[in-house]
Amino acid sequence: MSKRVINFAQVLISAFTINNSGQIAMADSDDKAVVISLP
């Protein structure tokens, strides 16, 4: 795997935060939270 791919993955991971209820939240360009509930 190239460094470019690894760095891209790290940026994607760092863009997401996981809260205490097991949801993944990502702020979009309008500063609204996009929340994904995990099963």
C-alpha atoms as a PDB file:
ATOM      1  CA  MET A   1       0.000   0.000   0.000  1.00  0.00           C
ATOM      2  CA  SER A   2       1.384   3.377  -0.929  1.00  0.00           C
ATOM      3  CA  LYS A   3       1.991   6.174   1.516  1.00  0.00           C
ATOM      4  CA  ARG A   4      -0.607   8.265  -0.279  1.00  0.00           C
ATOM      5  CA  VAL A   5      -3.323   5.671   0.377  1.00  0.00           C
ATOM      6  CA  ILE A   6      -2.313   5.310   4.021  1.00  0.00           C
ATOM      7  CA  ASN A   7      -2.323   9.064   4.569  1.00  0.00           C
ATOM      8  CA  PHE A   8      -5.731   9.341   2.898  1.00  0.00           C
ATOM      9  CA  ALA A   9      -7.103   6.664   5.230  1.00  0.00           C
ATOM     10  CA  GLN A  10      -5.696   8.466   8.259  1.00  0.00           C
ATOM     11  CA  VAL A  11      -7.379  11.697   7.182  1.00  0.00           C
ATOM     12  CA  LEU A  12     -10.692   9.898   6.743  1.00  0.00           C
ATOM     13  CA  ILE A  13     -10.405   8.257  10.164  1.00  0.00           C
ATOM     14  CA  SER A  14      -9.455  11.521  11.852  1.00  0.00           C
ATOM     15  CA  ALA A  15     -12.509  13.210  10.307  1.00  0.00           C
ATOM     16  CA  PHE A  16     -14.785  10.927  12.302  1.00  0.00           C
ATOM     17  CA  THR A  17     -15.430  10.908  16.018  1.00  0.00           C
ATOM     18  CA  ILE A  18     -17.166   8.153  17.963  1.00  0.00           C
ATOM     19  CA  ASN A  19     -19.347   9.232  20.856  1.00  0.00           C
ATOM     20  CA  ASN A  20     -20.265   7.281  23.982  1.00  0.00           C
ATOM     21  CA  SER A  21     -23.427   5.792  22.497  1.00  0.00           C
ATOM     22  CA  GLY A  22     -21.496   4.050  19.739  1.00  0.00           C
ATOM     23  CA  GLN A  23     -22.383   6.491  16.994  1.00  0.00           C
ATOM     24  CA  ILE A  24     -20.011   7.897  14.415  1.00  0.00           C
ATOM     25  CA  ALA A  25     -20.349  11.641  13.903  1.00  0.00           C
ATOM     26  CA  MET A  26     -18.780  13.731  11.160  1.00  0.00           C
ATOM     27  CA  ALA A  27     -19.187  17.478  10.723  1.00  0.00           C
ATOM     28  CA  ASP A  28     -20.040  18.434   7.169  1.00  0.00           C
ATOM     29  CA  SER A  29     -19.279  21.709   5.423  1.00  0.00           C
ATOM     30  CA  ASP A  30     -22.291  23.412   7.013  1.00  0.00           C
ATOM     31  CA  ASP A  31     -21.117  22.471  10.519  1.00  0.00           C
ATOM     32  CA  LYS A  32     -24.038  20.101  10.916  1.00  0.00           C
ATOM     33  CA  ALA A  33     -23.314  16.717  12.439  1.00  0.00           C
ATOM     34  CA  VAL A  34     -23.781  13.666  10.254  1.00  0.00           C
ATOM     35  CA  VAL A  35     -24.493  10.816  12.647  1.00  0.00           C
ATOM     36  CA  ILE A  36     -24.293   7.147  11.728  1.00  0.00           C
ATOM     37  CA  SER A  37     -25.698   4.681  14.259  1.00  0.00           C
ATOM     38  CA  LEU A  38     -23.817   1.410  14.564  1.00  0.00           C
ATOM     39  CA  PRO A  39     -25.723  -1.825  15.076  1.00  0.00           C
END
